Amino acid sequence: MDLFIQFTFGGERKKKKEEEEKEEKEEEEKEEKEEKEEKEEKEEKEEKEEKEEKEERISKRCVLDKVTEVIVVGIMRC
Protein backbone atom coordinates (compact mmCIF):
# COMPACT_ATOMS: atom_id res chain seq x y z
CA MET A 1 0.00 0.00 0.00
CA ASP A 2 2.83 2.36 0.82
CA LEU A 3 4.35 1.82 -2.60
CA PHE A 4 1.02 2.57 -4.27
CA ILE A 5 0.70 5.86 -2.38
CA GLN A 6 4.31 6.70 -3.09
CA PHE A 7 3.96 6.08 -6.84
CA THR A 8 0.61 7.86 -7.07
CA PHE A 9 1.63 11.00 -5.22
CA GLY A 10 5.15 10.87 -6.65
CA GLY A 11 3.70 10.88 -10.16
CA GLU A 12 1.46 13.82 -9.35
CA ARG A 13 4.38 15.73 -7.90
CA LYS A 14 6.44 14.98 -10.97
CA LYS A 15 3.66 16.18 -13.28
CA LYS A 16 3.18 19.31 -11.20
CA LYS A 17 6.91 19.99 -11.23
CA GLU A 18 7.08 19.47 -15.01
CA GLU A 19 4.14 21.85 -15.51
CA GLU A 20 5.82 24.49 -13.33
CA GLU A 21 9.08 24.13 -15.24
CA LYS A 22 7.21 24.41 -18.53
CA GLU A 23 5.43 27.57 -17.34
CA GLU A 24 8.72 29.08 -16.16
CA LYS A 25 10.33 28.29 -19.50
CA GLU A 26 7.43 29.89 -21.38
CA GLU A 27 7.65 33.00 -19.19
CA GLU A 28 11.40 33.26 -19.78
CA GLU A 29 10.93 32.91 -23.54
CA LYS A 30 8.20 35.56 -23.47
CA GLU A 31 10.44 37.94 -21.50
CA GLU A 32 13.36 37.34 -23.86
CA LYS A 33 11.10 38.01 -26.85
CA GLU A 34 9.82 41.25 -25.29
CA GLU A 35 13.37 42.37 -24.49
CA LYS A 36 14.45 41.61 -28.05
CA GLU A 37 11.51 43.58 -29.47
CA GLU A 38 12.25 46.53 -27.17
CA LYS A 39 15.90 46.45 -28.21
CA GLU A 40 14.96 46.39 -31.92
CA GLU A 41 12.51 49.28 -31.44
CA LYS A 42 15.18 51.27 -29.60
CA GLU A 43 17.73 50.63 -32.38
CA GLU A 44 15.20 51.62 -35.06
CA LYS A 45 14.39 54.80 -33.15
CA GLU A 46 18.08 55.68 -32.82
CA GLU A 47 18.69 55.02 -36.52
CA LYS A 48 15.72 57.21 -37.42
CA GLU A 49 16.97 60.03 -35.18
CA GLU A 50 20.47 59.79 -36.68
CA LYS A 51 19.02 59.88 -40.18
CA GLU A 52 16.90 62.93 -39.34
CA GLU A 53 19.91 64.71 -37.82
CA LYS A 54 21.99 63.93 -40.89
CA GLU A 55 19.26 65.23 -43.22
CA GLU A 56 18.95 68.37 -41.11
CA ARG A 57 22.71 69.01 -41.30
CA ILE A 58 22.66 68.46 -45.06
CA SER A 59 19.72 70.85 -45.36
CA LYS A 60 21.50 73.50 -43.30
CA ARG A 61 24.65 73.02 -45.36
CA CYS A 62 22.69 73.48 -48.60
CA VAL A 63 21.09 76.66 -47.27
CA LEU A 64 24.49 77.96 -46.19
CA ASP A 65 25.94 77.18 -49.64
CA LYS A 66 23.08 79.05 -51.32
CA VAL A 67 23.49 82.07 -49.03
CA THR A 68 27.22 82.09 -49.69
CA GLU A 69 26.58 81.88 -53.43
CA VAL A 70 24.13 84.80 -53.28
CA ILE A 71 26.62 86.89 -51.31
CA VAL A 72 29.45 86.10 -53.73
CA VAL A 73 27.27 86.95 -56.74
CA GLY A 74 26.19 90.19 -55.03
CA ILE A 75 29.79 91.17 -54.34
CA MET A 76 30.83 90.36 -57.91
CA ARG A 77 28.08 92.62 -59.30
CA CYS A 78 29.28 95.52 -57.24
PDB file of N, CA and C in Angstrom:
ATOM      1  N   MET A   1       0.822  -1.188   0.000  1.00  0.00           N
ATOM      2  CA  MET A   1       0.000   0.000   0.000  1.00  0.00           C
ATOM      3  C   MET A   1       0.868   1.254   0.000  1.00  0.00           C
ATOM      4  N   ASP A   2       1.948   1.201   0.765  1.00  0.00           N
ATOM      5  CA  ASP A   2       2.832   2.357   0.823  1.00  0.00           C
ATOM      6  C   ASP A   2       3.432   2.657  -0.542  1.00  0.00           C
ATOM      7  N   LEU A   3       3.788   1.620  -1.266  1.00  0.00           N
ATOM      8  CA  LEU A   3       4.353   1.818  -2.597  1.00  0.00           C
ATOM      9  C   LEU A   3       3.330   2.443  -3.536  1.00  0.00           C
ATOM     10  N   PHE A   4       2.083   2.004  -3.429  1.00  0.00           N
ATOM     11  CA  PHE A   4       1.021   2.573  -4.267  1.00  0.00           C
ATOM     12  C   PHE A   4       0.867   4.067  -4.002  1.00  0.00           C
ATOM     13  N   ILE A   5       0.827   4.443  -2.751  1.00  0.00           N
ATOM     14  CA  ILE A   5       0.696   5.858  -2.378  1.00  0.00           C
ATOM     15  C   ILE A   5       1.912   6.628  -2.856  1.00  0.00           C
ATOM     16  N   GLN A   6       3.076   6.046  -2.677  1.00  0.00           N
ATOM     17  CA  GLN A   6       4.312   6.701  -3.091  1.00  0.00           C
ATOM     18  C   GLN A   6       4.326   6.933  -4.602  1.00  0.00           C
ATOM     19  N   PHE A   7       3.972   5.938  -5.383  1.00  0.00           N
ATOM     20  CA  PHE A   7       3.960   6.082  -6.837  1.00  0.00           C
ATOM     21  C   PHE A   7       2.885   7.063  -7.289  1.00  0.00           C
ATOM     22  N   THR A   8       1.722   6.990  -6.671  1.00  0.00           N
ATOM     23  CA  THR A   8       0.614   7.863  -7.067  1.00  0.00           C
ATOM     24  C   THR A   8       0.952   9.318  -6.791  1.00  0.00           C
ATOM     25  N   PHE A   9       1.334   9.612  -5.567  1.00  0.00           N
ATOM     26  CA  PHE A   9       1.631  11.000  -5.224  1.00  0.00           C
ATOM     27  C   PHE A   9       2.943  11.463  -5.837  1.00  0.00           C
ATOM     28  N   GLY A  10       3.883  10.538  -5.997  1.00  0.00           N
ATOM     29  CA  GLY A  10       5.148  10.874  -6.646  1.00  0.00           C
ATOM     30  C   GLY A  10       4.920  11.274  -8.088  1.00  0.00           C
ATOM     31  N   GLY A  11       4.029  10.559  -8.772  1.00  0.00           N
ATOM     32  CA  GLY A  11       3.705  10.880 -10.163  1.00  0.00           C
ATOM     33  C   GLY A  11       3.032  12.232 -10.279  1.00  0.00           C
ATOM     34  N   GLU A  12       2.142  12.522  -9.335  1.00  0.00           N
ATOM     35  CA  GLU A  12       1.462  13.819  -9.350  1.00  0.00           C
ATOM     36  C   GLU A  12       2.457  14.943  -9.103  1.00  0.00           C
ATOM     37  N   ARG A  13       3.358  14.720  -8.181  1.00  0.00           N
ATOM     38  CA  ARG A  13       4.381  15.732  -7.896  1.00  0.00           C
ATOM     39  C   ARG A  13       5.256  15.967  -9.120  1.00  0.00           C
ATOM     40  N   LYS A  14       5.598  14.867  -9.776  1.00  0.00           N
ATOM     41  CA  LYS A  14       6.441  14.979 -10.968  1.00  0.00           C
ATOM     42  C   LYS A  14       5.718  15.760 -12.055  1.00  0.00           C
ATOM     43  N   LYS A  15       4.438  15.451 -12.271  1.00  0.00           N
ATOM     44  CA  LYS A  15       3.657  16.178 -13.278  1.00  0.00           C
ATOM     45  C   LYS A  15       3.563  17.653 -12.923  1.00  0.00           C
ATOM     46  N   LYS A  16       3.294  17.926 -11.652  1.00  0.00           N
ATOM     47  CA  LYS A  16       3.178  19.313 -11.198  1.00  0.00           C
ATOM     48  C   LYS A  16       4.502  20.050 -11.403  1.00  0.00           C
ATOM     49  N   LYS A  17       5.589  19.389 -11.068  1.00  0.00           N
ATOM     50  CA  LYS A  17       6.913  19.990 -11.226  1.00  0.00           C
ATOM     51  C   LYS A  17       7.206  20.254 -12.700  1.00  0.00           C
ATOM     52  N   GLU A  18       6.865  19.292 -13.567  1.00  0.00           N
ATOM     53  CA  GLU A  18       7.079  19.470 -15.006  1.00  0.00           C
ATOM     54  C   GLU A  18       6.249  20.631 -15.542  1.00  0.00           C
ATOM     55  N   GLU A  19       5.001  20.750 -15.074  1.00  0.00           N
ATOM     56  CA  GLU A  19       4.143  21.854 -15.509  1.00  0.00           C
ATOM     57  C   GLU A  19       4.722  23.195 -15.072  1.00  0.00           C
ATOM     58  N   GLU A  20       5.213  23.259 -13.836  1.00  0.00           N
ATOM     59  CA  GLU A  20       5.816  24.490 -13.331  1.00  0.00           C
ATOM     60  C   GLU A  20       7.052  24.861 -14.143  1.00  0.00           C
ATOM     61  N   GLU A  21       7.878  23.872 -14.443  1.00  0.00           N
ATOM     62  CA  GLU A  21       9.081  24.126 -15.239  1.00  0.00           C
ATOM     63  C   GLU A  21       8.705  24.603 -16.634  1.00  0.00           C
ATOM     64  N   LYS A  22       7.673  24.010 -17.200  1.00  0.00           N
ATOM     65  CA  LYS A  22       7.209  24.407 -18.532  1.00  0.00           C
ATOM     66  C   LYS A  22       6.707  25.850 -18.510  1.00  0.00           C
ATOM     67  N   GLU A  23       5.931  26.206 -17.475  1.00  0.00           N
ATOM     68  CA  GLU A  23       5.425  27.570 -17.344  1.00  0.00           C
ATOM     69  C   GLU A  23       6.576  28.563 -17.183  1.00  0.00           C
ATOM     70  N   GLU A  24       7.559  28.211 -16.362  1.00  0.00           N
ATOM     71  CA  GLU A  24       8.716  29.083 -16.163  1.00  0.00           C
ATOM     72  C   GLU A  24       9.469  29.284 -17.471  1.00  0.00           C
ATOM     73  N   LYS A  25       9.629  28.207 -18.215  1.00  0.00           N
ATOM     74  CA  LYS A  25      10.333  28.287 -19.496  1.00  0.00           C
ATOM     75  C   LYS A  25       9.572  29.192 -20.457  1.00  0.00           C
ATOM     76  N   GLU A  26       8.246  29.048 -20.508  1.00  0.00           N
ATOM     77  CA  GLU A  26       7.429  29.890 -21.384  1.00  0.00           C
ATOM     78  C   GLU A  26       7.535  31.354 -20.981  1.00  0.00           C
ATOM     79  N   GLU A  27       7.522  31.628 -19.675  1.00  0.00           N
ATOM     80  CA  GLU A  27       7.652  33.000 -19.192  1.00  0.00           C
ATOM     81  C   GLU A  27       9.008  33.585 -19.581  1.00  0.00           C
ATOM     82  N   GLU A  28      10.066  32.795 -19.422  1.00  0.00           N
ATOM     83  CA  GLU A  28      11.404  33.262 -19.780  1.00  0.00           C
ATOM     84  C   GLU A  28      11.489  33.568 -21.271  1.00  0.00           C
ATOM     85  N   GLU A  29      10.918  32.683 -22.097  1.00  0.00           N
ATOM     86  CA  GLU A  29      10.928  32.907 -23.542  1.00  0.00           C
ATOM     87  C   GLU A  29      10.147  34.165 -23.893  1.00  0.00           C
ATOM     88  N   LYS A  30       9.028  34.372 -23.224  1.00  0.00           N
ATOM     89  CA  LYS A  30       8.204  35.556 -23.468  1.00  0.00           C
ATOM     90  C   LYS A  30       8.977  36.821 -23.094  1.00  0.00           C
ATOM     91  N   GLU A  31       9.644  36.794 -21.938  1.00  0.00           N
ATOM     92  CA  GLU A  31      10.436  37.940 -21.496  1.00  0.00           C
ATOM     93  C   GLU A  31      11.577  38.220 -22.466  1.00  0.00           C
ATOM     94  N   GLU A  32      12.257  37.168 -22.914  1.00  0.00           N
ATOM     95  CA  GLU A  32      13.355  37.340 -23.865  1.00  0.00           C
ATOM     96  C   GLU A  32      12.843  37.943 -25.165  1.00  0.00           C
ATOM     97  N   LYS A  33      11.695  37.490 -25.613  1.00  0.00           N
ATOM     98  CA  LYS A  33      11.103  38.005 -26.846  1.00  0.00           C
ATOM     99  C   LYS A  33      10.758  39.482 -26.687  1.00  0.00           C
ATOM    100  N   GLU A  34      10.168  39.848 -25.546  1.00  0.00           N
ATOM    101  CA  GLU A  34       9.824  41.247 -25.288  1.00  0.00           C
ATOM    102  C   GLU A  34      11.080  42.109 -25.242  1.00  0.00           C
ATOM    103  N   GLU A  35      12.123  41.621 -24.574  1.00  0.00           N
ATOM    104  CA  GLU A  35      13.373  42.373 -24.489  1.00  0.00           C
ATOM    105  C   GLU A  35      13.974  42.569 -25.874  1.00  0.00           C
ATOM    106  N   LYS A  36      13.916  41.535 -26.686  1.00  0.00           N
ATOM    107  CA  LYS A  36      14.453  41.614 -28.046  1.00  0.00           C
ATOM    108  C   LYS A  36      13.675  42.639 -28.857  1.00  0.00           C
ATOM    109  N   GLU A  37      12.343  42.621 -28.742  1.00  0.00           N
ATOM    110  CA  GLU A  37      11.511  43.580 -29.469  1.00  0.00           C
ATOM    111  C   GLU A  37      11.805  45.004 -29.014  1.00  0.00           C
ATOM    112  N   GLU A  38      11.940  45.204 -27.698  1.00  0.00           N
ATOM    113  CA  GLU A  38      12.253  46.529 -27.171  1.00  0.00           C
ATOM    114  C   GLU A  38      13.606  47.005 -27.696  1.00  0.00           C
ATOM    115  N   LYS A  39      14.569  46.106 -27.727  1.00  0.00           N
ATOM    116  CA  LYS A  39      15.904  46.454 -28.213  1.00  0.00           C
ATOM    117  C   LYS A  39      15.844  46.851 -29.682  1.00  0.00           C
ATOM    118  N   GLU A  40      15.098  46.082 -30.489  1.00  0.00           N
ATOM    119  CA  GLU A  40      14.963  46.394 -31.916  1.00  0.00           C
ATOM    120  C   GLU A  40      14.274  47.737 -32.115  1.00  0.00           C
ATOM    121  N   GLU A  41      13.215  47.997 -31.335  1.00  0.00           N
ATOM    122  CA  GLU A  41      12.512  49.276 -31.436  1.00  0.00           C
ATOM    123  C   GLU A  41      13.448  50.428 -31.076  1.00  0.00           C
ATOM    124  N   LYS A  42      14.245  50.232 -30.038  1.00  0.00           N
ATOM    125  CA  LYS A  42      15.182  51.267 -29.604  1.00  0.00           C
ATOM    126  C   LYS A  42      16.211  51.539 -30.698  1.00  0.00           C
ATOM    127  N   GLU A  43      16.742  50.471 -31.307  1.00  0.00           N
ATOM    128  CA  GLU A  43      17.726  50.629 -32.377  1.00  0.00           C
ATOM    129  C   GLU A  43      17.113  51.341 -33.577  1.00  0.00           C
ATOM    130  N   GLU A  44      15.879  50.968 -33.934  1.00  0.00           N
ATOM    131  CA  GLU A  44      15.200  51.615 -35.060  1.00  0.00           C
ATOM    132  C   GLU A  44      14.990  53.097 -34.770  1.00  0.00           C
ATOM    133  N   LYS A  45      14.607  53.409 -33.548  1.00  0.00           N
ATOM    134  CA  LYS A  45      14.386  54.802 -33.155  1.00  0.00           C
ATOM    135  C   LYS A  45      15.691  55.590 -33.247  1.00  0.00           C
ATOM    136  N   GLU A  46      16.780  55.004 -32.763  1.00  0.00           N
ATOM    137  CA  GLU A  46      18.080  55.677 -32.815  1.00  0.00           C
ATOM    138  C   GLU A  46      18.516  55.900 -34.261  1.00  0.00           C
ATOM    139  N   GLU A  47      18.325  54.885 -35.104  1.00  0.00           N
ATOM    140  CA  GLU A  47      18.686  55.021 -36.517  1.00  0.00           C
ATOM    141  C   GLU A  47      17.868  56.124 -37.172  1.00  0.00           C
ATOM    142  N   LYS A  48      16.593  56.183 -36.853  1.00  0.00           N
ATOM    143  CA  LYS A  48      15.717  57.206 -37.421  1.00  0.00           C
ATOM    144  C   LYS A  48      16.174  58.596 -36.981  1.00  0.00           C
ATOM    145  N   GLU A  49      16.495  58.743 -35.697  1.00  0.00           N
ATOM    146  CA  GLU A  49      16.966  60.028 -35.184  1.00  0.00           C
ATOM    147  C   GLU A  49      18.271  60.435 -35.864  1.00  0.00           C
ATOM    148  N   GLU A  50      19.197  59.488 -36.016  1.00  0.00           N
ATOM    149  CA  GLU A  50      20.466  59.787 -36.676  1.00  0.00           C
ATOM    150  C   GLU A  50      20.232  60.220 -38.115  1.00  0.00           C
ATOM    151  N   LYS A  51      19.334  59.544 -38.793  1.00  0.00           N
ATOM    152  CA  LYS A  51      19.021  59.882 -40.181  1.00  0.00           C
ATOM    153  C   LYS A  51      18.421  61.283 -40.267  1.00  0.00           C
ATOM    154  N   GLU A  52      17.500  61.602 -39.349  1.00  0.00           N
ATOM    155  CA  GLU A  52      16.896  62.933 -39.340  1.00  0.00           C
ATOM    156  C   GLU A  52      17.943  64.009 -39.069  1.00  0.00           C
ATOM    157  N   GLU A  53      18.846  63.750 -38.123  1.00  0.00           N
ATOM    158  CA  GLU A  53      19.906  64.711 -37.819  1.00  0.00           C
ATOM    159  C   GLU A  53      20.802  64.924 -39.034  1.00  0.00           C
ATOM    160  N   LYS A  54      21.132  63.840 -39.712  1.00  0.00           N
ATOM    161  CA  LYS A  54      21.985  63.929 -40.894  1.00  0.00           C
ATOM    162  C   LYS A  54      21.297  64.744 -41.980  1.00  0.00           C
ATOM    163  N   GLU A  55      20.002  64.473 -42.215  1.00  0.00           N
ATOM    164  CA  GLU A  55      19.258  65.227 -43.224  1.00  0.00           C
ATOM    165  C   GLU A  55      19.182  66.703 -42.852  1.00  0.00           C
ATOM    166  N   GLU A  56      19.022  66.984 -41.568  1.00  0.00           N
ATOM    167  CA  GLU A  56      18.952  68.369 -41.108  1.00  0.00           C
ATOM    168  C   GLU A  56      20.286  69.080 -41.348  1.00  0.00           C
ATOM    169  N   ARG A  57      21.387  68.404 -41.056  1.00  0.00           N
ATOM    170  CA  ARG A  57      22.709  69.007 -41.300  1.00  0.00           C
ATOM    171  C   ARG A  57      22.923  69.262 -42.783  1.00  0.00           C
ATOM    172  N   ILE A  58      22.520  68.291 -43.610  1.00  0.00           N
ATOM    173  CA  ILE A  58      22.660  68.462 -45.058  1.00  0.00           C
ATOM    174  C   ILE A  58      21.822  69.642 -45.517  1.00  0.00           C
ATOM    175  N   SER A  59      20.607  69.744 -45.000  1.00  0.00           N
ATOM    176  CA  SER A  59      19.716  70.845 -45.364  1.00  0.00           C
ATOM    177  C   SER A  59      20.338  72.183 -44.967  1.00  0.00           C
ATOM    178  N   LYS A  60      20.864  72.261 -43.757  1.00  0.00           N
ATOM    179  CA  LYS A  60      21.502  73.503 -43.299  1.00  0.00           C
ATOM    180  C   LYS A  60      22.715  73.833 -44.160  1.00  0.00           C
ATOM    181  N   ARG A  61      23.473  72.814 -44.523  1.00  0.00           N
ATOM    182  CA  ARG A  61      24.651  73.017 -45.358  1.00  0.00           C
ATOM    183  C   ARG A  61      24.238  73.562 -46.726  1.00  0.00           C
ATOM    184  N   CYS A  62      23.167  73.003 -47.301  1.00  0.00           N
ATOM    185  CA  CYS A  62      22.688  73.477 -48.603  1.00  0.00           C
ATOM    186  C   CYS A  62      22.247  74.932 -48.517  1.00  0.00           C
ATOM    187  N   VAL A  63      21.532  75.273 -47.454  1.00  0.00           N
ATOM    188  CA  VAL A  63      21.088  76.660 -47.272  1.00  0.00           C
ATOM    189  C   VAL A  63      22.298  77.572 -47.136  1.00  0.00           C
ATOM    190  N   LEU A  64      23.284  77.160 -46.370  1.00  0.00           N
ATOM    191  CA  LEU A  64      24.491  77.957 -46.193  1.00  0.00           C
ATOM    192  C   LEU A  64      25.220  78.140 -47.518  1.00  0.00           C
ATOM    193  N   ASP A  65      25.302  77.084 -48.323  1.00  0.00           N
ATOM    194  CA  ASP A  65      25.937  77.178 -49.636  1.00  0.00           C
ATOM    195  C   ASP A  65      25.197  78.169 -50.523  1.00  0.00           C
ATOM    196  N   LYS A  66      23.875  78.128 -50.506  1.00  0.00           N
ATOM    197  CA  LYS A  66      23.076  79.053 -51.323  1.00  0.00           C
ATOM    198  C   LYS A  66      23.282  80.490 -50.862  1.00  0.00           C
ATOM    199  N   VAL A  67      23.277  80.715 -49.558  1.00  0.00           N
ATOM    200  CA  VAL A  67      23.489  82.066 -49.026  1.00  0.00           C
ATOM    201  C   VAL A  67      24.866  82.565 -49.429  1.00  0.00           C
ATOM    202  N   THR A  68      25.866  81.714 -49.306  1.00  0.00           N
ATOM    203  CA  THR A  68      27.223  82.091 -49.693  1.00  0.00           C
ATOM    204  C   THR A  68      27.272  82.431 -51.173  1.00  0.00           C
ATOM    205  N   GLU A  69      26.610  81.637 -51.985  1.00  0.00           N
ATOM    206  CA  GLU A  69      26.577  81.878 -53.428  1.00  0.00           C
ATOM    207  C   GLU A  69      25.923  83.226 -53.730  1.00  0.00           C
ATOM    208  N   VAL A  70      24.826  83.527 -53.060  1.00  0.00           N
ATOM    209  CA  VAL A  70      24.133  84.804 -53.276  1.00  0.00           C
ATOM    210  C   VAL A  70      25.029  85.963 -52.869  1.00  0.00           C
ATOM    211  N   ILE A  71      25.720  85.822 -51.764  1.00  0.00           N
ATOM    212  CA  ILE A  71      26.616  86.892 -51.307  1.00  0.00           C
ATOM    213  C   ILE A  71      27.747  87.095 -52.305  1.00  0.00           C
ATOM    214  N   VAL A  72      28.350  86.007 -52.767  1.00  0.00           N
ATOM    215  CA  VAL A  72      29.453  86.102 -53.725  1.00  0.00           C
ATOM    216  C   VAL A  72      28.967  86.761 -55.011  1.00  0.00           C
ATOM    217  N   VAL A  73      27.815  86.358 -55.517  1.00  0.00           N
ATOM    218  CA  VAL A  73      27.270  86.952 -56.743  1.00  0.00           C
ATOM    219  C   VAL A  73      26.994  88.432 -56.516  1.00  0.00           C
ATOM    220  N   GLY A  74      26.464  88.780 -55.349  1.00  0.00           N
ATOM    221  CA  GLY A  74      26.193  90.186 -55.031  1.00  0.00           C
ATOM    222  C   GLY A  74      27.467  91.001 -54.987  1.00  0.00           C
ATOM    223  N   ILE A  75      28.515  90.452 -54.419  1.00  0.00           N
ATOM    224  CA  ILE A  75      29.790  91.167 -54.343  1.00  0.00           C
ATOM    225  C   ILE A  75      30.377  91.325 -55.737  1.00  0.00           C
ATOM    226  N   MET A  76      30.272  90.295 -56.564  1.00  0.00           N
ATOM    227  CA  MET A  76      30.832  90.355 -57.913  1.00  0.00           C
ATOM    228  C   MET A  76      30.117  91.409 -58.754  1.00  0.00           C
ATOM    229  N   ARG A  77      28.828  91.616 -58.535  1.00  0.00           N
ATOM    230  CA  ARG A  77      28.078  92.616 -59.297  1.00  0.00           C
ATOM    231  C   ARG A  77      28.490  94.032 -58.909  1.00  0.00           C
ATOM    232  N   CYS A  78      28.877  94.192 -57.673  1.00  0.00           N
ATOM    233  CA  CYS A  78      29.280  95.524 -57.238  1.00  0.00           C
ATOM    234  C   CYS A  78      30.615  95.803 -57.821  1.00  0.00           C
TER     235      CYS A  78
END
